[in-house]
């Protein structure tokens, strides 16, 4: 069994480190516009996913389509669609997932193989966000714009602009 370095609050060290790092500012409404920080990670960023913000009720469930207890939101977009990690995958660098909010059940879509790649993807997008043609070309070459709903939505938005 691989040993996972954990912080004093029980989070994997790779996540604790990522929480303290600067995050890319991207313009798209489907990409993150709010990122977790070390101070709001366990409370504010989890509201509506892990727990009800008004009642405090635990919303986690291991049932198919439920918000699993091991999932933690690291970012959200304009629509409150979460980007999240599964703490059980710390040894793999915490792959990042995306799910559409309000769909009746949570259906995770893989976005990046880890938090570091997630930042790299967003930085690549940020570097091209002023040039729609260059960003469309980069997305077509580096993401699945046909089979992945998030990347398809981003790509189609650029084509309609």
C-alpha atoms as a PDB file:
ATOM      1  CA  UNK A   1       0.000   0.000   0.000  1.00  0.00           C
ATOM      2  CA  UNK A   2       1.327   3.430  -0.938  1.00  0.00           C
ATOM      3  CA  UNK A   3       1.764   5.884   1.918  1.00  0.00           C
ATOM      4  CA  UNK A   4      -0.048   9.163   1.280  1.00  0.00           C
ATOM      5  CA  UNK A   5       1.324  12.234   3.017  1.00  0.00           C
ATOM      6  CA  UNK A   6      -1.534  13.928   4.855  1.00  0.00           C
ATOM      7  CA  UNK A   7      -1.772  17.330   6.474  1.00  0.00           C
ATOM      8  CA  UNK A   8      -2.970  18.036   9.979  1.00  0.00           C
ATOM      9  CA  UNK A   9      -6.543  18.421   8.665  1.00  0.00           C
ATOM     10  CA  UNK A  10      -6.439  15.007   6.968  1.00  0.00           C
ATOM     11  CA  UNK A  11      -6.093  16.211   3.375  1.00  0.00           C
ATOM     12  CA  UNK A  12      -3.415  14.761   1.111  1.00  0.00           C
ATOM     13  CA  UNK A  13      -0.320  16.969   0.985  1.00  0.00           C
ATOM     14  CA  UNK A  14      -0.638  17.363  -2.821  1.00  0.00           C
ATOM     15  CA  UNK A  15      -4.077  18.935  -2.331  1.00  0.00           C
ATOM     16  CA  UNK A  16      -2.950  21.137   0.551  1.00  0.00           C
ATOM     17  CA  UNK A  17      -0.065  22.372  -1.639  1.00  0.00           C
ATOM     18  CA  UNK A  18      -2.387  23.032  -4.616  1.00  0.00           C
ATOM     19  CA  UNK A  19      -4.800  25.011  -2.431  1.00  0.00           C
ATOM     20  CA  UNK A  20      -2.016  27.495  -1.676  1.00  0.00           C
ATOM     21  CA  UNK A  21      -0.921  27.956  -5.295  1.00  0.00           C
ATOM     22  CA  UNK A  22      -2.053  30.776  -7.633  1.00  0.00           C
ATOM     23  CA  UNK A  23      -4.756  29.716 -10.096  1.00  0.00           C
ATOM     24  CA  UNK A  24      -5.236  30.779 -13.722  1.00  0.00           C
ATOM     25  CA  UNK A  25      -7.892  33.379 -14.491  1.00  0.00           C
ATOM     26  CA  UNK A  26      -9.843  32.103 -17.501  1.00  0.00           C
ATOM     27  CA  UNK A  27     -12.749  33.929 -19.106  1.00  0.00           C
ATOM     28  CA  UNK A  28     -15.151  31.136 -20.052  1.00  0.00           C
ATOM     29  CA  UNK A  29     -18.343  30.613 -18.043  1.00  0.00           C
ATOM     30  CA  UNK A  30     -17.895  26.816 -18.286  1.00  0.00           C
ATOM     31  CA  UNK A  31     -14.382  26.893 -16.812  1.00  0.00           C
ATOM     32  CA  UNK A  32     -13.565  27.669 -13.178  1.00  0.00           C
ATOM     33  CA  UNK A  33     -14.226  31.178 -11.964  1.00  0.00           C
ATOM     34  CA  UNK A  34     -13.917  30.263  -8.291  1.00  0.00           C
ATOM     35  CA  UNK A  35     -11.206  28.141  -6.748  1.00  0.00           C
ATOM     36  CA  UNK A  36     -10.916  26.599  -3.313  1.00  0.00           C
ATOM     37  CA  UNK A  37      -8.350  28.068  -0.969  1.00  0.00           C
ATOM     38  CA  UNK A  38      -6.921  26.663   2.235  1.00  0.00           C
ATOM     39  CA  UNK A  39      -9.290  28.884   4.237  1.00  0.00           C
ATOM     40  CA  UNK A  40     -12.587  28.050   2.467  1.00  0.00           C
ATOM     41  CA  UNK A  41     -11.915  24.538   1.211  1.00  0.00           C
ATOM     42  CA  UNK A  42     -13.659  22.483   3.889  1.00  0.00           C
ATOM     43  CA  UNK A  43     -16.662  24.794   4.307  1.00  0.00           C
ATOM     44  CA  UNK A  44     -17.656  27.274   1.595  1.00  0.00           C
ATOM     45  CA  UNK A  45     -16.454  25.319  -1.436  1.00  0.00           C
ATOM     46  CA  UNK A  46     -18.338  22.195  -0.349  1.00  0.00           C
ATOM     47  CA  UNK A  47     -21.735  23.895   0.189  1.00  0.00           C
ATOM     48  CA  UNK A  48     -24.428  22.350  -1.965  1.00  0.00           C
ATOM     49  CA  UNK A  49     -22.258  19.346  -2.792  1.00  0.00           C
ATOM     50  CA  UNK A  50     -21.130  17.722   0.476  1.00  0.00           C
ATOM     51  CA  UNK A  51     -23.600  19.529   2.755  1.00  0.00           C
ATOM     52  CA  UNK A  52     -26.652  21.770   2.686  1.00  0.00           C
ATOM     53  CA  UNK A  53     -25.572  25.337   3.496  1.00  0.00           C
ATOM     54  CA  UNK A  54     -28.757  26.136   5.434  1.00  0.00           C
ATOM     55  CA  UNK A  55     -29.492  22.981   7.385  1.00  0.00           C
ATOM     56  CA  UNK A  56     -25.975  21.533   7.509  1.00  0.00           C
ATOM     57  CA  UNK A  57     -27.399  18.205   6.321  1.00  0.00           C
ATOM     58  CA  UNK A  58     -24.831  15.791   4.909  1.00  0.00           C
ATOM     59  CA  UNK A  59     -25.523  15.368   1.172  1.00  0.00           C
ATOM     60  CA  UNK A  60     -22.963  12.650   0.514  1.00  0.00           C
ATOM     61  CA  UNK A  61     -23.995   9.206  -0.663  1.00  0.00           C
ATOM     62  CA  UNK A  62     -22.110   6.215  -2.010  1.00  0.00           C
ATOM     63  CA  UNK A  63     -25.128   5.324  -4.173  1.00  0.00           C
ATOM     64  CA  UNK A  64     -24.750   5.616  -7.958  1.00  0.00           C
ATOM     65  CA  UNK A  65     -25.341   9.240  -8.945  1.00  0.00           C
ATOM     66  CA  UNK A  66     -24.766  10.464  -5.388  1.00  0.00           C
ATOM     67  CA  UNK A  67     -22.078  12.889  -4.237  1.00  0.00           C
ATOM     68  CA  UNK A  68     -19.524  10.444  -2.870  1.00  0.00           C
ATOM     69  CA  UNK A  69     -18.031  11.104   0.580  1.00  0.00           C
ATOM     70  CA  UNK A  70     -14.505  11.042  -0.899  1.00  0.00           C
ATOM     71  CA  UNK A  71     -15.221  13.797  -3.451  1.00  0.00           C
ATOM     72  CA  UNK A  72     -14.044  17.314  -2.646  1.00  0.00           C
ATOM     73  CA  UNK A  73     -14.741  20.398  -4.773  1.00  0.00           C
ATOM     74  CA  UNK A  74     -11.603  22.307  -5.782  1.00  0.00           C
ATOM     75  CA  UNK A  75     -13.239  24.774  -8.202  1.00  0.00           C
ATOM     76  CA  UNK A  76     -16.590  25.739  -9.675  1.00  0.00           C
ATOM     77  CA  UNK A  77     -17.707  27.589 -12.767  1.00  0.00           C
ATOM     78  CA  UNK A  78     -20.287  30.353 -13.235  1.00  0.00           C
ATOM     79  CA  UNK A  79     -23.088  27.768 -13.262  1.00  0.00           C
ATOM     80  CA  UNK A  80     -21.870  26.167  -9.986  1.00  0.00           C
ATOM     81  CA  UNK A  81     -20.759  23.075 -11.912  1.00  0.00           C
ATOM     82  CA  UNK A  82     -18.043  21.535  -9.730  1.00  0.00           C
ATOM     83  CA  UNK A  83     -14.506  20.512 -10.575  1.00  0.00           C
ATOM     84  CA  UNK A  84     -13.531  17.989  -7.922  1.00  0.00           C
ATOM     85  CA  UNK A  85     -11.092  15.350  -6.777  1.00  0.00           C
ATOM     86  CA  UNK A  86     -11.527  11.947  -5.169  1.00  0.00           C
ATOM     87  CA  UNK A  87      -9.334  11.788  -2.066  1.00  0.00           C
ATOM     88  CA  UNK A  88      -8.867   8.035  -2.588  1.00  0.00           C
ATOM     89  CA  UNK A  89      -6.811   8.879  -5.704  1.00  0.00           C
ATOM     90  CA  UNK A  90      -4.122  10.904  -3.923  1.00  0.00           C
ATOM     91  CA  UNK A  91      -1.408   8.424  -4.942  1.00  0.00           C
ATOM     92  CA  UNK A  92      -2.251   9.192  -8.585  1.00  0.00           C
ATOM     93  CA  UNK A  93      -1.886  12.973  -8.092  1.00  0.00           C
ATOM     94  CA  UNK A  94      -5.617  13.586  -7.538  1.00  0.00           C
ATOM     95  CA  UNK A  95      -7.221  13.403 -10.975  1.00  0.00           C
ATOM     96  CA  UNK A  96      -9.732  16.218 -11.529  1.00  0.00           C
ATOM     97  CA  UNK A  97     -13.330  15.558 -12.524  1.00  0.00           C
ATOM     98  CA  UNK A  98     -16.194  17.760 -13.685  1.00  0.00           C
ATOM     99  CA  UNK A  99     -19.952  17.269 -13.309  1.00  0.00           C
ATOM    100  CA  UNK A 100     -22.972  19.283 -14.375  1.00  0.00           C
ATOM    101  CA  UNK A 101     -24.884  20.710 -11.410  1.00  0.00           C
ATOM    102  CA  UNK A 102     -28.658  20.245 -11.318  1.00  0.00           C
ATOM    103  CA  UNK A 103     -28.739  17.179 -13.558  1.00  0.00           C
ATOM    104  CA  UNK A 104     -30.459  15.044 -10.902  1.00  0.00           C
ATOM    105  CA  UNK A 105     -27.417  12.859 -10.381  1.00  0.00           C
ATOM    106  CA  UNK A 106     -23.685  13.376 -10.369  1.00  0.00           C
ATOM    107  CA  UNK A 107     -21.942  11.955 -13.439  1.00  0.00           C
ATOM    108  CA  UNK A 108     -18.182  12.638 -13.150  1.00  0.00           C
ATOM    109  CA  UNK A 109     -16.278  13.420 -16.328  1.00  0.00           C
ATOM    110  CA  UNK A 110     -12.472  13.192 -16.144  1.00  0.00           C
ATOM    111  CA  UNK A 111     -10.838  16.552 -16.906  1.00  0.00           C
ATOM    112  CA  UNK A 112      -7.182  16.138 -15.963  1.00  0.00           C
ATOM    113  CA  UNK A 113      -4.937  13.335 -14.712  1.00  0.00           C
ATOM    114  CA  UNK A 114      -4.050  15.395 -11.642  1.00  0.00           C
ATOM    115  CA  UNK A 115      -4.136  18.841 -10.072  1.00  0.00           C
ATOM    116  CA  UNK A 116      -0.870  19.819 -11.767  1.00  0.00           C
ATOM    117  CA  UNK A 117      -2.244  18.910 -15.216  1.00  0.00           C
ATOM    118  CA  UNK A 118      -5.473  20.762 -14.380  1.00  0.00           C
ATOM    119  CA  UNK A 119      -3.481  23.955 -13.817  1.00  0.00           C
ATOM    120  CA  UNK A 120      -1.474  23.307 -16.978  1.00  0.00           C
ATOM    121  CA  UNK A 121      -4.657  22.889 -19.054  1.00  0.00           C
ATOM    122  CA  UNK A 122      -6.145  26.080 -17.683  1.00  0.00           C
ATOM    123  CA  UNK A 123      -2.885  27.991 -18.213  1.00  0.00           C
ATOM    124  CA  UNK A 124      -2.765  26.791 -21.838  1.00  0.00           C
ATOM    125  CA  UNK A 125      -6.333  27.987 -22.341  1.00  0.00           C
ATOM    126  CA  UNK A 126      -5.568  31.289 -20.630  1.00  0.00           C
ATOM    127  CA  UNK A 127      -2.568  31.843 -22.905  1.00  0.00           C
ATOM    128  CA  UNK A 128      -4.864  31.595 -25.956  1.00  0.00           C
ATOM    129  CA  UNK A 129      -8.068  33.154 -24.659  1.00  0.00           C
ATOM    130  CA  UNK A 130      -7.585  36.384 -26.600  1.00  0.00           C
ATOM    131  CA  UNK A 131      -7.407  34.482 -29.907  1.00  0.00           C
ATOM    132  CA  UNK A 132     -10.499  32.326 -30.541  1.00  0.00           C
ATOM    133  CA  UNK A 133      -8.987  30.597 -33.592  1.00  0.00           C
ATOM    134  CA  UNK A 134      -5.818  29.629 -31.716  1.00  0.00           C
ATOM    135  CA  UNK A 135      -7.840  28.404 -28.751  1.00  0.00           C
ATOM    136  CA  UNK A 136     -10.164  26.359 -30.981  1.00  0.00           C
ATOM    137  CA  UNK A 137      -7.144  24.780 -32.671  1.00  0.00           C
ATOM    138  CA  UNK A 138      -5.480  23.996 -29.325  1.00  0.00           C
ATOM    139  CA  UNK A 139      -8.702  22.489 -27.918  1.00  0.00           C
ATOM    140  CA  UNK A 140      -9.167  20.348 -31.045  1.00  0.00           C
ATOM    141  CA  UNK A 141      -5.612  19.009 -30.702  1.00  0.00           C
ATOM    142  CA  UNK A 142      -5.413  18.540 -26.922  1.00  0.00           C
ATOM    143  CA  UNK A 143      -8.925  17.733 -25.705  1.00  0.00           C
ATOM    144  CA  UNK A 144     -11.836  15.549 -26.763  1.00  0.00           C
ATOM    145  CA  UNK A 145     -14.147  18.208 -28.225  1.00  0.00           C
ATOM    146  CA  UNK A 146     -16.459  15.586 -29.712  1.00  0.00           C
ATOM    147  CA  UNK A 147     -16.902  13.103 -26.871  1.00  0.00           C
ATOM    148  CA  UNK A 148     -16.389  15.149 -23.703  1.00  0.00           C
ATOM    149  CA  UNK A 149     -19.286  17.444 -22.806  1.00  0.00           C
ATOM    150  CA  UNK A 150     -17.203  20.115 -21.058  1.00  0.00           C
ATOM    151  CA  UNK A 151     -14.673  20.517 -23.877  1.00  0.00           C
ATOM    152  CA  UNK A 152     -17.408  20.314 -26.516  1.00  0.00           C
ATOM    153  CA  UNK A 153     -19.378  23.070 -24.783  1.00  0.00           C
ATOM    154  CA  UNK A 154     -16.294  25.289 -24.557  1.00  0.00           C
ATOM    155  CA  UNK A 155     -15.364  24.641 -28.201  1.00  0.00           C
ATOM    156  CA  UNK A 156     -18.903  25.247 -29.495  1.00  0.00           C
ATOM    157  CA  UNK A 157     -19.105  28.491 -27.544  1.00  0.00           C
ATOM    158  CA  UNK A 158     -15.967  29.682 -29.331  1.00  0.00           C
ATOM    159  CA  UNK A 159     -17.413  28.711 -32.711  1.00  0.00           C
ATOM    160  CA  UNK A 160     -20.590  30.687 -32.020  1.00  0.00           C
ATOM    161  CA  UNK A 161     -18.767  33.795 -30.841  1.00  0.00           C
END
